[in-house]
Amino acid sequence: MGEILRVGTTYIPVSNVERSSCWYVSKLGAELSFKDEDKAILNFANQSFFLIKAKANETANFFDHNNQERFSLTFEVNGISALEELHRAFIKSGIKVEDIVDRGHTGKNFVFSDLDGNRFDVWSELSSEFKKKFNI
């Protein structure tokens, strides 16, 4: 039996493909590889992201059993100082960010949102597999 080796693509609902793809490129450093009126294909964080034109008010977020809105994706950076530096850069570039928090496990996190309110988490700890693969 085969095994799943990695996540290749993440789909993100957006209201305006043109506007959102420009935001991801300018704010997150994504590389645009394809765009039409229904979708944009971006590459960043060692993955492909498809921005898909969706119905109004659609997001990738969900609500947990305590009715707290949650993100569905966590990005990783290499250490607390990298997390703090990225947090400051996001604030400076006008990205909607929440405070850096300690969630009671290794490292710290913060949450940011794109133009459509899709929430994403950033964690200060790189996975050991990623470090090993890329000699970090």
N, C-alpha and C. Protein backbone atom coordinates (compact mmCIF):
# COMPACT_ATOMS: atom_id res chain seq x y z
N MET A 1 0.84 -1.18 0.00
CA MET A 1 0.00 0.00 0.00
C MET A 1 0.89 1.24 0.00
N GLY A 2 0.55 2.23 -0.80
CA GLY A 2 1.29 3.49 -0.84
C GLY A 2 1.05 4.31 0.41
N GLU A 3 1.83 5.34 0.56
CA GLU A 3 1.64 6.22 1.71
C GLU A 3 1.57 7.67 1.24
N ILE A 4 0.87 8.48 1.99
CA ILE A 4 0.79 9.91 1.68
C ILE A 4 2.10 10.53 2.11
N LEU A 5 2.74 11.27 1.19
CA LEU A 5 4.07 11.81 1.47
C LEU A 5 4.08 13.28 1.84
N ARG A 6 3.15 14.07 1.33
CA ARG A 6 3.16 15.49 1.67
C ARG A 6 1.84 16.12 1.26
N VAL A 7 1.60 17.32 1.73
CA VAL A 7 0.49 18.13 1.26
C VAL A 7 1.02 18.90 0.06
N GLY A 8 0.39 18.76 -1.08
CA GLY A 8 0.86 19.42 -2.29
C GLY A 8 0.18 20.74 -2.56
N THR A 9 -1.12 20.82 -2.29
CA THR A 9 -1.88 22.01 -2.63
C THR A 9 -2.90 22.31 -1.55
N THR A 10 -3.06 23.58 -1.25
CA THR A 10 -4.10 24.05 -0.34
C THR A 10 -4.99 25.00 -1.13
N TYR A 11 -6.29 24.85 -0.98
CA TYR A 11 -7.27 25.69 -1.67
C TYR A 11 -7.82 26.73 -0.70
N ILE A 12 -7.81 27.99 -1.13
CA ILE A 12 -8.26 29.09 -0.28
C ILE A 12 -9.37 29.84 -1.02
N PRO A 13 -10.54 29.98 -0.41
CA PRO A 13 -11.62 30.72 -1.05
C PRO A 13 -11.37 32.23 -0.97
N VAL A 14 -11.58 32.92 -2.10
CA VAL A 14 -11.41 34.38 -2.14
C VAL A 14 -12.56 35.00 -2.92
N SER A 15 -12.82 36.26 -2.68
CA SER A 15 -13.91 36.95 -3.37
C SER A 15 -13.47 37.54 -4.70
N ASN A 16 -12.18 37.90 -4.81
CA ASN A 16 -11.67 38.54 -6.01
C ASN A 16 -10.27 37.99 -6.29
N VAL A 17 -10.16 37.16 -7.31
CA VAL A 17 -8.91 36.47 -7.61
C VAL A 17 -7.78 37.46 -7.91
N GLU A 18 -8.05 38.48 -8.70
CA GLU A 18 -7.02 39.46 -9.07
C GLU A 18 -6.50 40.18 -7.83
N ARG A 19 -7.40 40.72 -7.04
CA ARG A 19 -7.02 41.48 -5.84
C ARG A 19 -6.29 40.59 -4.83
N SER A 20 -6.81 39.40 -4.62
CA SER A 20 -6.21 38.49 -3.64
C SER A 20 -4.84 37.99 -4.09
N SER A 21 -4.70 37.66 -5.37
CA SER A 21 -3.39 37.18 -5.83
C SER A 21 -2.34 38.28 -5.69
N CYS A 22 -2.71 39.52 -5.97
CA CYS A 22 -1.78 40.64 -5.78
C CYS A 22 -1.39 40.77 -4.31
N TRP A 23 -2.35 40.59 -3.40
CA TRP A 23 -2.10 40.68 -1.97
C TRP A 23 -1.12 39.59 -1.54
N TYR A 24 -1.36 38.34 -1.93
CA TYR A 24 -0.49 37.24 -1.54
C TYR A 24 0.93 37.42 -2.09
N VAL A 25 1.05 37.94 -3.31
CA VAL A 25 2.36 38.18 -3.89
C VAL A 25 3.08 39.31 -3.16
N SER A 26 2.39 40.43 -2.95
CA SER A 26 3.05 41.59 -2.34
C SER A 26 3.25 41.46 -0.84
N LYS A 27 2.33 40.84 -0.13
CA LYS A 27 2.41 40.77 1.33
C LYS A 27 3.14 39.53 1.84
N LEU A 28 2.97 38.38 1.15
CA LEU A 28 3.55 37.13 1.64
C LEU A 28 4.71 36.63 0.79
N GLY A 29 4.99 37.32 -0.31
CA GLY A 29 6.10 36.90 -1.16
C GLY A 29 5.80 35.69 -2.01
N ALA A 30 4.52 35.39 -2.25
CA ALA A 30 4.15 34.26 -3.08
C ALA A 30 4.57 34.52 -4.53
N GLU A 31 4.79 33.45 -5.26
CA GLU A 31 5.11 33.52 -6.68
C GLU A 31 3.88 33.08 -7.47
N LEU A 32 3.39 33.94 -8.34
CA LEU A 32 2.22 33.64 -9.16
C LEU A 32 2.65 32.77 -10.34
N SER A 33 2.01 31.60 -10.50
CA SER A 33 2.35 30.74 -11.64
C SER A 33 1.22 30.63 -12.65
N PHE A 34 0.00 30.98 -12.27
CA PHE A 34 -1.13 30.96 -13.20
C PHE A 34 -2.27 31.79 -12.60
N LYS A 35 -3.03 32.43 -13.50
CA LYS A 35 -4.20 33.18 -13.03
C LYS A 35 -5.20 33.31 -14.16
N ASP A 36 -6.48 33.07 -13.85
CA ASP A 36 -7.58 33.43 -14.73
C ASP A 36 -8.67 34.02 -13.84
N GLU A 37 -9.86 34.20 -14.34
CA GLU A 37 -10.88 34.88 -13.53
C GLU A 37 -11.44 34.00 -12.41
N ASP A 38 -11.22 32.68 -12.48
CA ASP A 38 -11.75 31.76 -11.48
C ASP A 38 -10.75 31.32 -10.42
N LYS A 39 -9.45 31.41 -10.74
CA LYS A 39 -8.45 30.92 -9.79
C LYS A 39 -7.08 31.52 -10.08
N ALA A 40 -6.25 31.49 -9.05
CA ALA A 40 -4.83 31.81 -9.19
C ALA A 40 -4.05 30.70 -8.51
N ILE A 41 -2.93 30.34 -9.10
CA ILE A 41 -2.05 29.34 -8.51
C ILE A 41 -0.80 30.05 -8.04
N LEU A 42 -0.54 29.94 -6.74
CA LEU A 42 0.60 30.59 -6.11
C LEU A 42 1.51 29.55 -5.50
N ASN A 43 2.80 29.85 -5.47
CA ASN A 43 3.77 28.99 -4.82
C ASN A 43 4.47 29.78 -3.72
N PHE A 44 4.41 29.28 -2.51
CA PHE A 44 5.18 29.82 -1.39
C PHE A 44 5.11 28.84 -0.24
N ALA A 45 6.01 28.97 0.70
CA ALA A 45 6.09 28.09 1.87
C ALA A 45 6.19 26.62 1.44
N ASN A 46 6.93 26.37 0.35
CA ASN A 46 7.15 25.01 -0.15
C ASN A 46 5.86 24.26 -0.49
N GLN A 47 4.88 25.00 -1.03
CA GLN A 47 3.60 24.40 -1.37
C GLN A 47 2.91 25.23 -2.45
N SER A 48 1.93 24.65 -3.12
CA SER A 48 1.08 25.39 -4.04
C SER A 48 -0.21 25.76 -3.33
N PHE A 49 -0.66 26.98 -3.58
CA PHE A 49 -1.92 27.46 -3.05
C PHE A 49 -2.79 27.89 -4.22
N PHE A 50 -4.02 27.39 -4.26
CA PHE A 50 -4.99 27.80 -5.26
C PHE A 50 -5.94 28.78 -4.60
N LEU A 51 -5.98 30.01 -5.11
CA LEU A 51 -6.98 30.97 -4.67
C LEU A 51 -8.18 30.77 -5.59
N ILE A 52 -9.28 30.33 -5.04
CA ILE A 52 -10.46 29.98 -5.82
C ILE A 52 -11.56 31.01 -5.58
N LYS A 53 -12.09 31.57 -6.68
CA LYS A 53 -13.21 32.51 -6.55
C LYS A 53 -14.39 31.78 -5.92
N ALA A 54 -14.86 32.30 -4.82
CA ALA A 54 -15.91 31.64 -4.04
C ALA A 54 -17.12 32.56 -3.87
N LYS A 55 -18.17 32.02 -3.30
CA LYS A 55 -19.35 32.81 -2.99
C LYS A 55 -18.98 33.85 -1.92
N ALA A 56 -19.78 34.88 -1.82
CA ALA A 56 -19.54 35.95 -0.83
C ALA A 56 -19.45 35.37 0.58
N ASN A 57 -18.51 35.91 1.34
CA ASN A 57 -18.32 35.59 2.76
C ASN A 57 -17.84 34.17 3.04
N GLU A 58 -17.35 33.46 2.04
CA GLU A 58 -16.76 32.14 2.27
C GLU A 58 -15.33 32.31 2.77
N THR A 59 -14.94 31.50 3.75
CA THR A 59 -13.54 31.47 4.20
C THR A 59 -13.16 30.03 4.48
N ALA A 60 -11.88 29.80 4.70
CA ALA A 60 -11.39 28.48 5.07
C ALA A 60 -11.49 28.26 6.58
N ASN A 61 -12.00 29.23 7.30
CA ASN A 61 -12.10 29.14 8.76
C ASN A 61 -13.25 28.21 9.16
N PHE A 62 -13.23 27.80 10.42
CA PHE A 62 -14.34 27.03 10.97
C PHE A 62 -14.52 27.40 12.44
N PHE A 63 -15.64 27.01 13.02
CA PHE A 63 -15.93 27.30 14.42
C PHE A 63 -15.83 26.01 15.22
N ASP A 64 -15.10 26.07 16.34
CA ASP A 64 -14.97 24.90 17.20
C ASP A 64 -16.20 24.77 18.10
N HIS A 65 -16.20 23.78 18.96
CA HIS A 65 -17.36 23.50 19.83
C HIS A 65 -17.63 24.61 20.84
N ASN A 66 -16.65 25.49 21.07
CA ASN A 66 -16.85 26.65 21.95
C ASN A 66 -17.22 27.90 21.17
N ASN A 67 -17.53 27.72 19.89
CA ASN A 67 -17.92 28.80 18.99
C ASN A 67 -16.80 29.81 18.74
N GLN A 68 -15.56 29.34 18.84
CA GLN A 68 -14.39 30.17 18.54
C GLN A 68 -14.00 29.93 17.09
N GLU A 69 -13.81 31.02 16.33
CA GLU A 69 -13.40 30.88 14.94
C GLU A 69 -11.95 30.44 14.87
N ARG A 70 -11.69 29.41 14.08
CA ARG A 70 -10.36 28.81 13.99
C ARG A 70 -9.79 28.90 12.58
N PHE A 71 -8.49 28.82 12.49
CA PHE A 71 -7.77 28.74 11.22
C PHE A 71 -7.62 27.26 10.87
N SER A 72 -7.33 26.98 9.61
CA SER A 72 -7.14 25.59 9.20
C SER A 72 -5.72 25.30 8.75
N LEU A 73 -4.82 26.28 8.89
CA LEU A 73 -3.46 26.11 8.38
C LEU A 73 -2.47 26.86 9.27
N THR A 74 -1.37 26.20 9.60
CA THR A 74 -0.29 26.82 10.37
C THR A 74 0.98 26.84 9.54
N PHE A 75 1.56 28.03 9.40
CA PHE A 75 2.87 28.18 8.77
C PHE A 75 3.93 28.09 9.87
N GLU A 76 5.15 27.69 9.51
CA GLU A 76 6.23 27.59 10.48
C GLU A 76 7.38 28.52 10.10
N VAL A 77 8.01 29.10 11.11
CA VAL A 77 9.24 29.86 10.94
C VAL A 77 10.28 29.25 11.86
N ASN A 78 11.54 29.65 11.70
CA ASN A 78 12.63 29.03 12.45
C ASN A 78 13.00 29.84 13.69
N GLY A 79 12.22 29.71 14.74
CA GLY A 79 12.55 30.31 16.02
C GLY A 79 11.73 31.53 16.39
N ILE A 80 11.82 31.89 17.66
CA ILE A 80 11.07 33.01 18.23
C ILE A 80 11.46 34.33 17.56
N SER A 81 12.76 34.54 17.35
CA SER A 81 13.18 35.81 16.75
C SER A 81 12.63 35.95 15.33
N ALA A 82 12.59 34.85 14.56
CA ALA A 82 12.01 34.89 13.21
C ALA A 82 10.51 35.17 13.29
N LEU A 83 9.84 34.61 14.28
CA LEU A 83 8.41 34.85 14.48
C LEU A 83 8.16 36.33 14.79
N GLU A 84 8.96 36.88 15.70
CA GLU A 84 8.80 38.29 16.08
C GLU A 84 9.10 39.21 14.90
N GLU A 85 10.13 38.89 14.12
CA GLU A 85 10.49 39.69 12.96
C GLU A 85 9.37 39.67 11.92
N LEU A 86 8.81 38.49 11.66
CA LEU A 86 7.71 38.38 10.70
C LEU A 86 6.48 39.13 11.20
N HIS A 87 6.20 39.03 12.47
CA HIS A 87 5.06 39.73 13.08
C HIS A 87 5.19 41.24 12.86
N ARG A 88 6.38 41.78 13.14
CA ARG A 88 6.62 43.22 12.93
C ARG A 88 6.48 43.59 11.45
N ALA A 89 7.02 42.76 10.56
CA ALA A 89 6.93 43.04 9.12
C ALA A 89 5.48 43.01 8.65
N PHE A 90 4.69 42.07 9.15
CA PHE A 90 3.28 42.00 8.77
C PHE A 90 2.53 43.25 9.24
N ILE A 91 2.79 43.68 10.46
CA ILE A 91 2.15 44.89 10.98
C ILE A 91 2.53 46.09 10.12
N LYS A 92 3.82 46.21 9.82
CA LYS A 92 4.30 47.33 9.01
C LYS A 92 3.68 47.34 7.62
N SER A 93 3.44 46.16 7.05
CA SER A 93 2.87 46.11 5.70
C SER A 93 1.34 46.16 5.69
N GLY A 94 0.72 46.32 6.86
CA GLY A 94 -0.72 46.50 6.93
C GLY A 94 -1.54 45.23 6.97
N ILE A 95 -0.89 44.11 7.22
CA ILE A 95 -1.63 42.85 7.35
C ILE A 95 -2.32 42.83 8.71
N LYS A 96 -3.54 42.33 8.74
CA LYS A 96 -4.27 42.21 10.01
C LYS A 96 -3.67 41.06 10.80
N VAL A 97 -3.04 41.37 11.94
CA VAL A 97 -2.38 40.37 12.77
C VAL A 97 -2.88 40.46 14.20
N GLU A 98 -2.85 39.33 14.88
CA GLU A 98 -3.17 39.28 16.30
C GLU A 98 -1.85 39.23 17.08
N ASP A 99 -1.93 39.37 18.38
CA ASP A 99 -0.74 39.36 19.24
C ASP A 99 -0.04 38.00 19.20
N ILE A 100 1.25 38.02 19.48
CA ILE A 100 2.02 36.79 19.68
C ILE A 100 1.58 36.20 21.01
N VAL A 101 1.31 34.90 21.01
CA VAL A 101 0.81 34.24 22.22
C VAL A 101 1.59 32.97 22.51
N ASP A 102 1.57 32.59 23.78
CA ASP A 102 2.11 31.32 24.24
C ASP A 102 0.90 30.42 24.50
N ARG A 103 0.78 29.34 23.75
CA ARG A 103 -0.38 28.44 23.88
C ARG A 103 -0.10 27.26 24.80
N GLY A 104 1.00 27.33 25.54
CA GLY A 104 1.29 26.29 26.51
C GLY A 104 2.05 25.10 25.96
N HIS A 105 2.54 25.20 24.74
CA HIS A 105 3.38 24.16 24.17
C HIS A 105 4.66 24.82 23.66
N THR A 106 5.56 24.06 23.11
CA THR A 106 6.82 24.60 22.61
C THR A 106 6.57 25.73 21.63
N GLY A 107 7.32 26.81 21.78
CA GLY A 107 7.24 27.92 20.84
C GLY A 107 6.09 28.86 21.11
N LYS A 108 5.95 29.83 20.20
CA LYS A 108 4.88 30.82 20.28
C LYS A 108 4.23 30.93 18.91
N ASN A 109 3.07 31.58 18.89
CA ASN A 109 2.28 31.68 17.67
C ASN A 109 1.65 33.06 17.54
N PHE A 110 1.26 33.40 16.31
CA PHE A 110 0.33 34.50 16.08
C PHE A 110 -0.54 34.15 14.88
N VAL A 111 -1.67 34.82 14.81
CA VAL A 111 -2.63 34.59 13.74
C VAL A 111 -2.70 35.85 12.88
N PHE A 112 -2.79 35.66 11.55
CA PHE A 112 -3.01 36.78 10.65
C PHE A 112 -4.13 36.42 9.69
N SER A 113 -4.68 37.43 9.02
CA SER A 113 -5.80 37.24 8.10
C SER A 113 -5.51 37.87 6.76
N ASP A 114 -6.04 37.24 5.70
CA ASP A 114 -5.93 37.82 4.36
C ASP A 114 -7.08 38.80 4.12
N LEU A 115 -7.20 39.28 2.90
CA LEU A 115 -8.22 40.28 2.55
C LEU A 115 -9.65 39.77 2.76
N ASP A 116 -9.86 38.46 2.63
CA ASP A 116 -11.20 37.88 2.76
C ASP A 116 -11.49 37.35 4.16
N GLY A 117 -10.57 37.55 5.09
CA GLY A 117 -10.79 37.07 6.45
C GLY A 117 -10.35 35.63 6.68
N ASN A 118 -9.68 35.00 5.70
CA ASN A 118 -9.10 33.69 5.94
C ASN A 118 -8.01 33.84 6.99
N ARG A 119 -8.13 33.08 8.07
CA ARG A 119 -7.18 33.17 9.17
C ARG A 119 -6.10 32.11 9.03
N PHE A 120 -4.86 32.50 9.31
CA PHE A 120 -3.72 31.59 9.26
C PHE A 120 -2.89 31.76 10.52
N ASP A 121 -2.34 30.66 10.98
CA ASP A 121 -1.50 30.65 12.17
C ASP A 121 -0.04 30.63 11.73
N VAL A 122 0.84 31.23 12.53
CA VAL A 122 2.29 31.14 12.32
C VAL A 122 2.89 30.65 13.64
N TRP A 123 3.70 29.61 13.55
CA TRP A 123 4.31 28.99 14.72
C TRP A 123 5.82 29.14 14.63
N SER A 124 6.47 29.34 15.76
CA SER A 124 7.91 29.60 15.81
C SER A 124 8.77 28.35 15.69
N GLU A 125 8.17 27.19 15.50
CA GLU A 125 8.94 25.95 15.49
C GLU A 125 8.85 25.23 14.15
N LEU A 126 10.00 25.02 13.51
CA LEU A 126 10.04 24.21 12.30
C LEU A 126 10.00 22.73 12.68
N SER A 127 9.31 21.93 11.88
CA SER A 127 9.27 20.49 12.16
C SER A 127 10.67 19.90 11.99
N SER A 128 10.96 18.87 12.75
CA SER A 128 12.28 18.24 12.68
C SER A 128 12.53 17.62 11.31
N GLU A 129 11.50 17.09 10.67
CA GLU A 129 11.63 16.53 9.32
C GLU A 129 12.05 17.60 8.32
N PHE A 130 11.44 18.77 8.40
CA PHE A 130 11.78 19.88 7.49
C PHE A 130 13.21 20.33 7.73
N LYS A 131 13.59 20.47 9.00
CA LYS A 131 14.97 20.86 9.32
C LYS A 131 15.98 19.87 8.76
N LYS A 132 15.68 18.61 8.92
CA LYS A 132 16.58 17.55 8.46
C LYS A 132 16.68 17.59 6.92
N LYS A 133 15.56 17.69 6.24
CA LYS A 133 15.52 17.66 4.79
C LYS A 133 16.29 18.84 4.18
N PHE A 134 16.17 20.02 4.80
CA PHE A 134 16.78 21.22 4.25
C PHE A 134 18.02 21.68 5.01
N ASN A 135 18.57 20.79 5.87
CA ASN A 135 19.79 21.08 6.64
C ASN A 135 19.73 22.41 7.37
N ILE A 136 18.68 22.59 8.14
CA ILE A 136 18.51 23.83 8.90
C ILE A 136 18.85 23.56 10.35
